[in-house]
Amino acid sequence: MANLIYSAIASLDGYTADENGEFDWAAPDAEVHAFVNDRERSVGTYLYGRRMYETMVYWETAEIAVTGDEETAVTRDYARIWQAADKIVYSSTLDATASARTVIERAFDPDGVRRLKKAATADISVGGPGLAAHALAAGLVDEIHLYLNPVVVGGGTRALPAGLRQNLTLADEHRFANGVVHLRYAVG
C-alpha cells in the first residue's frame, strides 16, 4: 500500500501564501530544491485541487535553459519527476487539462483515494492546503512534510487546517544553509 504524503512549503508562522496570495518568499534555492526532488522521486501520483494544478502545470512545458548552472540542473530534474507522474485534479470547474498523464475528478472521494492507496505501487502526494485539509480530515494522510522558511507573513493561506487535531511523530528533520528547516512527521 502506498503512502499518502502532504508536503507544504510554509512560512515559520504556518502559511503557504500571505494575505495577498503571494508566495515569492517560498521559492527554494538549489540545495532545498535538490532535497525536494529526492523526496518527490517516490511519488507516482499527484492529487491537486484546481488552483494548485494551475500553479504546478508550469512544469509540463517549463522552459529551462540547458546550462551547467546547478540551479538549472535541479529544476530540469524536477520537471522530469513531475512529468513522469500521474496527476488527478479535483475540480468542478476545470474543463480540460494542460498536461499529460492527468485526469479530472469532479469531487474529492475519500473512498476512491483509499482504493488508489491500496492499489498504488508508488507513493501519492496531495498538493495544496485546501485539498490536503479534506485528506487529513478523512484520515488518509500518512506523512506530513513541512518546509519551514525563515519568514513570518502574518496571515494568509494556512498550511494546516484550523480545527485539525492529529498525533504526529517526528520521523526526520533537516536544516539547510538558507535557514529553511524540513520536518517530516508520521501521522497517527
N, C-alpha and C. Protein backbone atom coordinates (compact mmCIF):
# COMPACT_ATOMS: atom_id res chain seq x y z
N MET A 1 0.85 -1.19 0.00
CA MET A 1 0.00 0.00 0.00
C MET A 1 0.89 1.24 0.00
N ALA A 2 0.53 2.20 -0.81
CA ALA A 2 1.30 3.44 -0.92
C ALA A 2 1.00 4.37 0.25
N ASN A 3 1.95 5.25 0.54
CA ASN A 3 1.74 6.32 1.50
C ASN A 3 1.14 7.52 0.79
N LEU A 4 0.25 8.22 1.48
CA LEU A 4 -0.24 9.50 1.01
C LEU A 4 0.51 10.57 1.79
N ILE A 5 1.22 11.42 1.07
CA ILE A 5 2.12 12.40 1.67
C ILE A 5 1.62 13.80 1.35
N TYR A 6 1.51 14.62 2.39
CA TYR A 6 1.20 16.03 2.20
C TYR A 6 2.48 16.82 2.45
N SER A 7 2.94 17.53 1.44
CA SER A 7 4.12 18.39 1.55
C SER A 7 3.71 19.83 1.34
N ALA A 8 4.28 20.72 2.15
CA ALA A 8 3.97 22.15 2.00
C ALA A 8 5.21 22.97 2.33
N ILE A 9 5.43 23.97 1.49
CA ILE A 9 6.43 24.99 1.79
C ILE A 9 5.69 26.09 2.51
N ALA A 10 6.13 26.41 3.72
CA ALA A 10 5.37 27.33 4.56
C ALA A 10 6.28 28.35 5.23
N SER A 11 5.67 29.45 5.63
CA SER A 11 6.36 30.43 6.45
C SER A 11 6.49 29.86 7.86
N LEU A 12 7.35 30.46 8.66
CA LEU A 12 7.52 29.98 10.03
C LEU A 12 6.22 30.04 10.82
N ASP A 13 5.34 31.00 10.48
CA ASP A 13 4.06 31.09 11.18
C ASP A 13 2.97 30.26 10.52
N GLY A 14 3.35 29.38 9.58
CA GLY A 14 2.44 28.36 9.11
C GLY A 14 1.57 28.68 7.91
N TYR A 15 2.00 29.58 7.03
CA TYR A 15 1.21 29.95 5.87
C TYR A 15 1.92 29.56 4.58
N THR A 16 1.14 29.10 3.59
CA THR A 16 1.71 28.77 2.28
C THR A 16 1.69 29.97 1.34
N ALA A 17 0.88 30.95 1.65
CA ALA A 17 0.81 32.22 0.91
C ALA A 17 0.40 33.30 1.89
N ASP A 18 0.80 34.53 1.62
CA ASP A 18 0.44 35.62 2.53
C ASP A 18 -0.99 36.10 2.26
N GLU A 19 -1.40 37.16 2.94
CA GLU A 19 -2.77 37.66 2.82
C GLU A 19 -3.12 38.13 1.41
N ASN A 20 -2.10 38.46 0.60
CA ASN A 20 -2.32 38.89 -0.78
C ASN A 20 -2.19 37.74 -1.77
N GLY A 21 -2.03 36.51 -1.25
CA GLY A 21 -1.86 35.35 -2.11
C GLY A 21 -0.45 35.18 -2.65
N GLU A 22 0.48 35.98 -2.17
CA GLU A 22 1.87 35.92 -2.64
C GLU A 22 2.65 34.84 -1.90
N PHE A 23 3.54 34.18 -2.63
CA PHE A 23 4.41 33.18 -2.02
C PHE A 23 5.81 33.23 -2.62
N ASP A 24 6.22 34.42 -3.06
CA ASP A 24 7.53 34.60 -3.66
C ASP A 24 8.65 34.25 -2.67
N TRP A 25 8.40 34.37 -1.40
CA TRP A 25 9.37 34.04 -0.37
C TRP A 25 9.59 32.52 -0.27
N ALA A 26 8.76 31.73 -0.93
CA ALA A 26 8.81 30.27 -0.80
C ALA A 26 9.66 29.60 -1.87
N ALA A 27 10.18 30.35 -2.83
CA ALA A 27 10.97 29.74 -3.91
C ALA A 27 12.22 29.08 -3.32
N PRO A 28 12.38 27.77 -3.53
CA PRO A 28 13.53 27.08 -2.93
C PRO A 28 14.82 27.39 -3.69
N ASP A 29 15.92 27.47 -2.95
CA ASP A 29 17.21 27.60 -3.62
C ASP A 29 17.64 26.21 -4.11
N ALA A 30 18.80 26.11 -4.73
CA ALA A 30 19.24 24.85 -5.34
C ALA A 30 19.37 23.73 -4.31
N GLU A 31 19.86 24.03 -3.11
CA GLU A 31 20.03 23.00 -2.08
C GLU A 31 18.67 22.44 -1.65
N VAL A 32 17.72 23.32 -1.35
CA VAL A 32 16.40 22.88 -0.92
C VAL A 32 15.69 22.17 -2.07
N HIS A 33 15.78 22.71 -3.27
CA HIS A 33 15.11 22.11 -4.42
C HIS A 33 15.63 20.69 -4.68
N ALA A 34 16.93 20.49 -4.57
CA ALA A 34 17.50 19.15 -4.77
C ALA A 34 16.97 18.18 -3.72
N PHE A 35 16.82 18.65 -2.50
CA PHE A 35 16.28 17.82 -1.42
C PHE A 35 14.82 17.46 -1.71
N VAL A 36 14.04 18.47 -2.15
CA VAL A 36 12.64 18.22 -2.53
C VAL A 36 12.59 17.18 -3.65
N ASN A 37 13.43 17.35 -4.65
CA ASN A 37 13.46 16.39 -5.76
C ASN A 37 13.67 14.97 -5.26
N ASP A 38 14.61 14.80 -4.35
CA ASP A 38 14.87 13.45 -3.83
C ASP A 38 13.66 12.89 -3.09
N ARG A 39 12.90 13.73 -2.41
CA ARG A 39 11.69 13.27 -1.73
C ARG A 39 10.58 12.96 -2.73
N GLU A 40 10.53 13.68 -3.83
CA GLU A 40 9.46 13.53 -4.81
C GLU A 40 9.68 12.32 -5.73
N ARG A 41 10.88 11.79 -5.78
CA ARG A 41 11.15 10.66 -6.69
C ARG A 41 10.27 9.45 -6.40
N SER A 42 9.82 9.30 -5.17
CA SER A 42 8.99 8.14 -4.81
C SER A 42 7.52 8.33 -5.18
N VAL A 43 7.14 9.52 -5.64
CA VAL A 43 5.74 9.83 -5.93
C VAL A 43 5.37 9.35 -7.33
N GLY A 44 4.31 8.57 -7.41
CA GLY A 44 3.79 8.11 -8.69
C GLY A 44 2.54 8.84 -9.12
N THR A 45 1.85 9.48 -8.15
CA THR A 45 0.61 10.20 -8.45
C THR A 45 0.53 11.45 -7.58
N TYR A 46 0.18 12.56 -8.23
CA TYR A 46 -0.08 13.81 -7.52
C TYR A 46 -1.58 14.06 -7.50
N LEU A 47 -2.11 14.43 -6.35
CA LEU A 47 -3.51 14.84 -6.20
C LEU A 47 -3.52 16.35 -6.01
N TYR A 48 -4.28 17.04 -6.85
CA TYR A 48 -4.32 18.50 -6.80
C TYR A 48 -5.76 19.00 -6.84
N GLY A 49 -5.97 20.15 -6.21
CA GLY A 49 -7.14 20.95 -6.49
C GLY A 49 -6.84 21.79 -7.72
N ARG A 50 -7.84 22.48 -8.24
CA ARG A 50 -7.65 23.25 -9.47
C ARG A 50 -6.56 24.30 -9.35
N ARG A 51 -6.56 25.08 -8.28
CA ARG A 51 -5.57 26.17 -8.15
C ARG A 51 -4.15 25.64 -8.06
N MET A 52 -3.94 24.58 -7.28
CA MET A 52 -2.58 24.03 -7.18
C MET A 52 -2.15 23.43 -8.51
N TYR A 53 -3.08 22.76 -9.19
CA TYR A 53 -2.75 22.22 -10.50
C TYR A 53 -2.35 23.34 -11.46
N GLU A 54 -3.10 24.42 -11.47
CA GLU A 54 -2.79 25.53 -12.37
C GLU A 54 -1.43 26.16 -12.05
N THR A 55 -1.00 26.08 -10.81
CA THR A 55 0.34 26.54 -10.45
C THR A 55 1.39 25.53 -10.91
N MET A 56 1.14 24.26 -10.68
CA MET A 56 2.14 23.23 -10.95
C MET A 56 2.25 22.84 -12.42
N VAL A 57 1.23 23.07 -13.23
CA VAL A 57 1.26 22.67 -14.64
C VAL A 57 2.39 23.38 -15.39
N TYR A 58 2.94 24.42 -14.83
CA TYR A 58 4.13 25.07 -15.39
C TYR A 58 5.20 24.03 -15.73
N TRP A 59 5.33 23.01 -14.88
CA TRP A 59 6.40 22.02 -15.04
C TRP A 59 6.19 21.12 -16.25
N GLU A 60 5.01 21.13 -16.84
CA GLU A 60 4.76 20.31 -18.03
C GLU A 60 5.57 20.78 -19.23
N THR A 61 5.71 22.09 -19.37
CA THR A 61 6.42 22.65 -20.52
C THR A 61 7.46 23.67 -20.10
N ALA A 62 7.97 23.54 -18.89
CA ALA A 62 8.91 24.52 -18.35
C ALA A 62 10.05 24.78 -19.34
N GLU A 63 10.28 26.04 -19.62
CA GLU A 63 11.40 26.45 -20.48
C GLU A 63 12.62 26.61 -19.58
N ILE A 64 13.38 25.55 -19.46
CA ILE A 64 14.53 25.56 -18.57
C ILE A 64 15.79 25.45 -19.43
N ALA A 65 16.60 26.48 -19.39
CA ALA A 65 17.81 26.54 -20.21
C ALA A 65 18.75 25.40 -19.86
N VAL A 66 19.43 24.92 -20.85
CA VAL A 66 20.42 23.87 -20.64
C VAL A 66 21.76 24.55 -20.43
N THR A 67 22.15 24.63 -19.18
CA THR A 67 23.44 25.24 -18.82
C THR A 67 24.12 24.34 -17.80
N GLY A 68 25.28 24.72 -17.40
CA GLY A 68 25.99 24.00 -16.35
C GLY A 68 25.61 24.47 -14.96
N ASP A 69 24.71 25.42 -14.89
CA ASP A 69 24.28 26.00 -13.62
C ASP A 69 23.58 24.96 -12.75
N GLU A 70 24.00 24.87 -11.48
CA GLU A 70 23.44 23.87 -10.56
C GLU A 70 21.93 24.05 -10.38
N GLU A 71 21.49 25.28 -10.23
CA GLU A 71 20.06 25.52 -10.02
C GLU A 71 19.24 25.09 -11.23
N THR A 72 19.76 25.35 -12.42
CA THR A 72 19.06 24.93 -13.63
C THR A 72 18.98 23.42 -13.72
N ALA A 73 20.05 22.72 -13.38
CA ALA A 73 20.04 21.25 -13.40
C ALA A 73 18.99 20.72 -12.42
N VAL A 74 18.86 21.34 -11.28
CA VAL A 74 17.89 20.91 -10.27
C VAL A 74 16.47 21.13 -10.77
N THR A 75 16.20 22.25 -11.41
CA THR A 75 14.85 22.49 -11.92
C THR A 75 14.53 21.57 -13.09
N ARG A 76 15.50 21.29 -13.95
CA ARG A 76 15.27 20.32 -15.04
C ARG A 76 14.93 18.96 -14.46
N ASP A 77 15.64 18.57 -13.40
CA ASP A 77 15.39 17.29 -12.74
C ASP A 77 13.96 17.26 -12.20
N TYR A 78 13.52 18.35 -11.56
CA TYR A 78 12.16 18.38 -11.02
C TYR A 78 11.12 18.28 -12.15
N ALA A 79 11.36 18.97 -13.25
CA ALA A 79 10.42 18.91 -14.38
C ALA A 79 10.26 17.47 -14.84
N ARG A 80 11.35 16.73 -14.94
CA ARG A 80 11.27 15.32 -15.36
C ARG A 80 10.49 14.48 -14.34
N ILE A 81 10.72 14.72 -13.05
CA ILE A 81 10.00 13.99 -12.00
C ILE A 81 8.50 14.27 -12.10
N TRP A 82 8.14 15.55 -12.26
CA TRP A 82 6.73 15.93 -12.31
C TRP A 82 6.05 15.37 -13.55
N GLN A 83 6.72 15.45 -14.68
CA GLN A 83 6.14 14.97 -15.93
C GLN A 83 5.92 13.46 -15.92
N ALA A 84 6.76 12.72 -15.21
CA ALA A 84 6.67 11.26 -15.19
C ALA A 84 5.53 10.73 -14.32
N ALA A 85 5.00 11.57 -13.45
CA ALA A 85 3.96 11.12 -12.52
C ALA A 85 2.56 11.32 -13.10
N ASP A 86 1.62 10.51 -12.61
CA ASP A 86 0.21 10.71 -12.91
C ASP A 86 -0.31 11.86 -12.06
N LYS A 87 -1.34 12.54 -12.55
CA LYS A 87 -1.96 13.63 -11.82
C LYS A 87 -3.47 13.44 -11.82
N ILE A 88 -4.08 13.67 -10.66
CA ILE A 88 -5.53 13.70 -10.55
C ILE A 88 -5.90 15.09 -10.04
N VAL A 89 -6.74 15.79 -10.80
CA VAL A 89 -7.15 17.14 -10.43
C VAL A 89 -8.60 17.09 -10.00
N TYR A 90 -8.88 17.53 -8.78
CA TYR A 90 -10.24 17.59 -8.26
C TYR A 90 -10.78 18.99 -8.52
N SER A 91 -11.74 19.08 -9.44
CA SER A 91 -12.28 20.37 -9.79
C SER A 91 -13.67 20.22 -10.40
N SER A 92 -14.57 21.07 -9.98
CA SER A 92 -15.91 21.08 -10.60
C SER A 92 -15.98 22.09 -11.73
N THR A 93 -14.91 22.86 -11.93
CA THR A 93 -14.93 23.92 -12.95
C THR A 93 -13.93 23.72 -14.08
N LEU A 94 -12.90 22.94 -13.89
CA LEU A 94 -11.88 22.74 -14.93
C LEU A 94 -12.44 21.85 -16.03
N ASP A 95 -12.36 22.33 -17.26
CA ASP A 95 -12.91 21.58 -18.39
C ASP A 95 -11.90 20.65 -19.05
N ALA A 96 -10.63 21.05 -19.04
CA ALA A 96 -9.60 20.25 -19.70
C ALA A 96 -8.28 20.43 -18.96
N THR A 97 -7.41 19.45 -19.15
CA THR A 97 -6.09 19.53 -18.52
C THR A 97 -5.08 20.03 -19.55
N ALA A 98 -3.97 20.54 -19.04
CA ALA A 98 -2.90 21.06 -19.90
C ALA A 98 -1.63 20.23 -19.73
N SER A 99 -1.79 19.00 -19.25
CA SER A 99 -0.62 18.15 -19.05
C SER A 99 -0.98 16.70 -19.36
N ALA A 100 0.03 15.95 -19.71
CA ALA A 100 -0.14 14.53 -19.97
C ALA A 100 -0.36 13.81 -18.65
N ARG A 101 -0.84 12.59 -18.73
CA ARG A 101 -0.99 11.73 -17.55
C ARG A 101 -1.89 12.35 -16.48
N THR A 102 -2.90 13.12 -16.92
CA THR A 102 -3.74 13.88 -15.99
C THR A 102 -5.20 13.60 -16.25
N VAL A 103 -5.94 13.36 -15.16
CA VAL A 103 -7.39 13.19 -15.24
C VAL A 103 -8.06 14.15 -14.28
N ILE A 104 -9.30 14.49 -14.60
CA ILE A 104 -10.10 15.37 -13.75
C ILE A 104 -11.15 14.54 -13.04
N GLU A 105 -11.27 14.74 -11.75
CA GLU A 105 -12.36 14.18 -10.95
C GLU A 105 -13.17 15.37 -10.45
N ARG A 106 -14.47 15.26 -10.51
CA ARG A 106 -15.33 16.40 -10.16
C ARG A 106 -15.42 16.67 -8.67
N ALA A 107 -15.17 15.66 -7.83
CA ALA A 107 -15.23 15.85 -6.38
C ALA A 107 -14.23 14.92 -5.71
N PHE A 108 -13.72 15.36 -4.57
CA PHE A 108 -12.80 14.55 -3.79
C PHE A 108 -13.59 13.39 -3.17
N ASP A 109 -13.12 12.18 -3.41
CA ASP A 109 -13.79 10.98 -2.93
C ASP A 109 -12.83 10.21 -2.01
N PRO A 110 -13.00 10.31 -0.69
CA PRO A 110 -12.09 9.62 0.22
C PRO A 110 -11.99 8.11 -0.05
N ASP A 111 -13.11 7.47 -0.37
CA ASP A 111 -13.06 6.04 -0.65
C ASP A 111 -12.26 5.74 -1.91
N GLY A 112 -12.38 6.60 -2.90
CA GLY A 112 -11.59 6.45 -4.12
C GLY A 112 -10.10 6.59 -3.85
N VAL A 113 -9.75 7.52 -2.96
CA VAL A 113 -8.34 7.70 -2.60
C VAL A 113 -7.84 6.49 -1.80
N ARG A 114 -8.69 5.95 -0.93
CA ARG A 114 -8.31 4.73 -0.20
C ARG A 114 -8.02 3.59 -1.18
N ARG A 115 -8.87 3.43 -2.19
CA ARG A 115 -8.64 2.39 -3.20
C ARG A 115 -7.36 2.66 -3.98
N LEU A 116 -7.12 3.91 -4.31
CA LEU A 116 -5.89 4.29 -5.01
C LEU A 116 -4.66 3.94 -4.17
N LYS A 117 -4.70 4.29 -2.88
CA LYS A 117 -3.58 3.97 -1.99
C LYS A 117 -3.32 2.47 -1.94
N LYS A 118 -4.39 1.71 -1.87
CA LYS A 118 -4.27 0.26 -1.77
C LYS A 118 -3.67 -0.36 -3.03
N ALA A 119 -4.01 0.19 -4.19
CA ALA A 119 -3.56 -0.36 -5.47
C ALA A 119 -2.23 0.20 -5.94
N ALA A 120 -1.83 1.36 -5.45
CA ALA A 120 -0.64 2.04 -5.96
C ALA A 120 0.64 1.32 -5.60
N THR A 121 1.60 1.40 -6.51
CA THR A 121 2.92 0.82 -6.27
C THR A 121 3.95 1.89 -5.93
N ALA A 122 3.54 3.16 -6.00
CA ALA A 122 4.40 4.28 -5.64
C ALA A 122 3.60 5.23 -4.76
N ASP A 123 4.30 6.06 -4.01
CA ASP A 123 3.63 6.98 -3.11
C ASP A 123 2.73 7.95 -3.87
N ILE A 124 1.81 8.55 -3.12
CA ILE A 124 0.86 9.53 -3.64
C ILE A 124 1.09 10.82 -2.85
N SER A 125 1.07 11.93 -3.56
CA SER A 125 1.25 13.23 -2.92
C SER A 125 -0.02 14.04 -3.06
N VAL A 126 -0.45 14.66 -1.98
CA VAL A 126 -1.59 15.57 -2.04
C VAL A 126 -1.02 16.98 -1.96
N GLY A 127 -1.34 17.79 -2.97
CA GLY A 127 -0.78 19.12 -3.07
C GLY A 127 -1.81 20.19 -2.81
N GLY A 128 -1.43 21.18 -2.03
CA GLY A 128 -2.30 22.30 -1.74
C GLY A 128 -3.02 22.11 -0.41
N PRO A 129 -3.07 23.16 0.38
CA PRO A 129 -3.67 23.04 1.71
C PRO A 129 -5.16 22.78 1.72
N GLY A 130 -5.89 23.25 0.72
CA GLY A 130 -7.33 23.01 0.67
C GLY A 130 -7.66 21.54 0.49
N LEU A 131 -7.06 20.92 -0.52
CA LEU A 131 -7.28 19.50 -0.76
C LEU A 131 -6.69 18.67 0.37
N ALA A 132 -5.54 19.07 0.87
CA ALA A 132 -4.92 18.34 1.98
C ALA A 132 -5.83 18.36 3.21
N ALA A 133 -6.56 19.43 3.44
CA ALA A 133 -7.48 19.50 4.58
C ALA A 133 -8.52 18.40 4.49
N HIS A 134 -9.04 18.15 3.28
CA HIS A 134 -10.02 17.07 3.09
C HIS A 134 -9.38 15.70 3.36
N ALA A 135 -8.17 15.51 2.84
CA ALA A 135 -7.47 14.23 3.02
C ALA A 135 -7.11 14.01 4.49
N LEU A 136 -6.68 15.07 5.17
CA LEU A 136 -6.36 14.96 6.60
C LEU A 136 -7.62 14.64 7.41
N ALA A 137 -8.71 15.34 7.12
CA ALA A 137 -9.96 15.11 7.85
C ALA A 137 -10.48 13.69 7.64
N ALA A 138 -10.21 13.11 6.47
CA ALA A 138 -10.66 11.74 6.18
C ALA A 138 -9.71 10.69 6.71
N GLY A 139 -8.62 11.12 7.35
CA GLY A 139 -7.66 10.17 7.91
C GLY A 139 -6.83 9.44 6.85
N LEU A 140 -6.63 10.06 5.71
CA LEU A 140 -5.92 9.42 4.60
C LEU A 140 -4.43 9.71 4.56
N VAL A 141 -3.99 10.78 5.20
CA VAL A 141 -2.59 11.21 5.10
C VAL A 141 -1.72 10.39 6.05
N ASP A 142 -0.63 9.86 5.50
CA ASP A 142 0.31 9.05 6.27
C ASP A 142 1.51 9.85 6.76
N GLU A 143 1.92 10.85 5.98
CA GLU A 143 3.08 11.67 6.34
C GLU A 143 2.79 13.12 6.00
N ILE A 144 3.34 14.01 6.82
CA ILE A 144 3.31 15.45 6.56
C ILE A 144 4.75 15.93 6.49
N HIS A 145 5.08 16.59 5.37
CA HIS A 145 6.40 17.19 5.18
C HIS A 145 6.22 18.70 5.15
N LEU A 146 6.84 19.39 6.08
CA LEU A 146 6.78 20.84 6.11
C LEU A 146 8.18 21.40 5.86
N TYR A 147 8.27 22.33 4.93
CA TYR A 147 9.50 23.06 4.65
C TYR A 147 9.28 24.46 5.19
N LEU A 148 9.76 24.71 6.41
CA LEU A 148 9.53 25.98 7.07
C LEU A 148 10.59 26.99 6.66
N ASN A 149 10.14 28.12 6.13
CA ASN A 149 11.02 29.17 5.66
C ASN A 149 11.22 30.22 6.74
N PRO A 150 12.39 30.84 6.79
CA PRO A 150 12.67 31.84 7.82
C PRO A 150 12.04 33.19 7.48
N VAL A 151 10.70 33.19 7.46
CA VAL A 151 9.94 34.40 7.22
C VAL A 151 8.61 34.27 7.97
N VAL A 152 8.14 35.38 8.49
CA VAL A 152 6.82 35.45 9.12
C VAL A 152 5.98 36.37 8.25
N VAL A 153 4.82 35.86 7.79
CA VAL A 153 4.00 36.66 6.87
C VAL A 153 2.74 37.21 7.53
N GLY A 154 2.40 36.74 8.71
CA GLY A 154 1.32 37.34 9.49
C GLY A 154 -0.10 36.95 9.13
N GLY A 155 -0.29 36.13 8.14
CA GLY A 155 -1.63 35.70 7.76
C GLY A 155 -1.65 35.27 6.31
N GLY A 156 -2.77 34.65 5.93
CA GLY A 156 -2.90 34.19 4.56
C GLY A 156 -3.51 32.81 4.50
N THR A 157 -2.97 31.97 3.64
CA THR A 157 -3.46 30.60 3.47
C THR A 157 -2.69 29.68 4.41
N ARG A 158 -3.41 29.05 5.32
CA ARG A 158 -2.78 28.18 6.32
C ARG A 158 -2.29 26.89 5.67
N ALA A 159 -1.12 26.44 6.08
CA ALA A 159 -0.58 25.16 5.59
C ALA A 159 -1.39 23.99 6.15
N LEU A 160 -1.83 24.13 7.38
CA LEU A 160 -2.62 23.09 8.05
C LEU A 160 -3.96 23.69 8.45
N PRO A 161 -5.03 22.93 8.31
CA PRO A 161 -6.36 23.49 8.55
C PRO A 161 -6.63 23.77 10.03
N ALA A 162 -7.41 24.81 10.27
CA ALA A 162 -7.88 25.12 11.62
C ALA A 162 -8.79 23.99 12.09
N GLY A 163 -8.74 23.70 13.36
CA GLY A 163 -9.62 22.69 13.93
C GLY A 163 -9.13 21.26 13.79
N LEU A 164 -8.03 21.06 13.11
CA LEU A 164 -7.49 19.71 12.94
C LEU A 164 -6.68 19.33 14.17
N ARG A 165 -6.92 18.14 14.66
CA ARG A 165 -6.11 17.61 15.76
C ARG A 165 -5.59 16.25 15.31
N GLN A 166 -4.27 16.10 15.25
CA GLN A 166 -3.62 14.87 14.82
C GLN A 166 -2.42 14.62 15.70
N ASN A 167 -2.22 13.38 16.08
CA ASN A 167 -0.99 13.00 16.75
C ASN A 167 0.06 12.72 15.69
N LEU A 168 1.21 13.34 15.85
CA LEU A 168 2.29 13.20 14.88
C LEU A 168 3.54 12.71 15.58
N THR A 169 4.36 11.98 14.83
CA THR A 169 5.65 11.53 15.33
C THR A 169 6.72 12.07 14.40
N LEU A 170 7.67 12.82 14.95
CA LEU A 170 8.76 13.35 14.14
C LEU A 170 9.58 12.19 13.62
N ALA A 171 9.65 12.05 12.30
CA ALA A 171 10.38 10.96 11.67
C ALA A 171 11.72 11.40 11.12
N ASP A 172 11.86 12.70 10.82
CA ASP A 172 13.12 13.20 10.27
C ASP A 172 13.08 14.73 10.28
N GLU A 173 14.26 15.31 10.30
CA GLU A 173 14.38 16.76 10.17
C GLU A 173 15.70 17.05 9.47
N HIS A 174 15.69 18.17 8.74
CA HIS A 174 16.89 18.57 8.02
C HIS A 174 16.96 20.08 7.98
N ARG A 175 18.15 20.61 8.25
CA ARG A 175 18.36 22.06 8.21
C ARG A 175 19.18 22.41 6.98
N PHE A 176 18.84 23.54 6.38
CA PHE A 176 19.52 24.00 5.17
C PHE A 176 20.27 25.29 5.45
N ALA A 177 21.28 25.56 4.63
CA ALA A 177 22.13 26.74 4.82
C ALA A 177 21.34 28.04 4.75
N ASN A 178 20.24 28.08 3.98
CA ASN A 178 19.46 29.31 3.84
C ASN A 178 18.46 29.52 4.98
N GLY A 179 18.46 28.64 5.98
CA GLY A 179 17.57 28.79 7.13
C GLY A 179 16.28 28.00 7.04
N VAL A 180 16.01 27.36 5.91
CA VAL A 180 14.82 26.50 5.78
C VAL A 180 15.04 25.24 6.62
N VAL A 181 13.97 24.76 7.23
CA VAL A 181 14.00 23.51 8.00
C VAL A 181 12.94 22.58 7.44
N HIS A 182 13.32 21.35 7.14
CA HIS A 182 12.36 20.34 6.69
C HIS A 182 12.01 19.47 7.88
N LEU A 183 10.72 19.29 8.13
CA LEU A 183 10.23 18.42 9.19
C LEU A 183 9.34 17.37 8.55
N ARG A 184 9.65 16.10 8.80
CA ARG A 184 8.82 15.01 8.28
C ARG A 184 8.17 14.33 9.45
N TYR A 185 6.84 14.27 9.44
CA TYR A 185 6.06 13.66 10.51
C TYR A 185 5.27 12.47 9.99
N ALA A 186 5.24 11.42 10.77
CA ALA A 186 4.33 10.31 10.53
C ALA A 186 3.02 10.66 11.24
N VAL A 187 1.90 10.40 10.59
CA VAL A 187 0.60 10.71 11.17
C VAL A 187 0.09 9.50 11.92
N GLY A 188 -0.42 9.75 13.12
CA GLY A 188 -1.03 8.66 13.89
C GLY A 188 -0.17 8.16 15.00
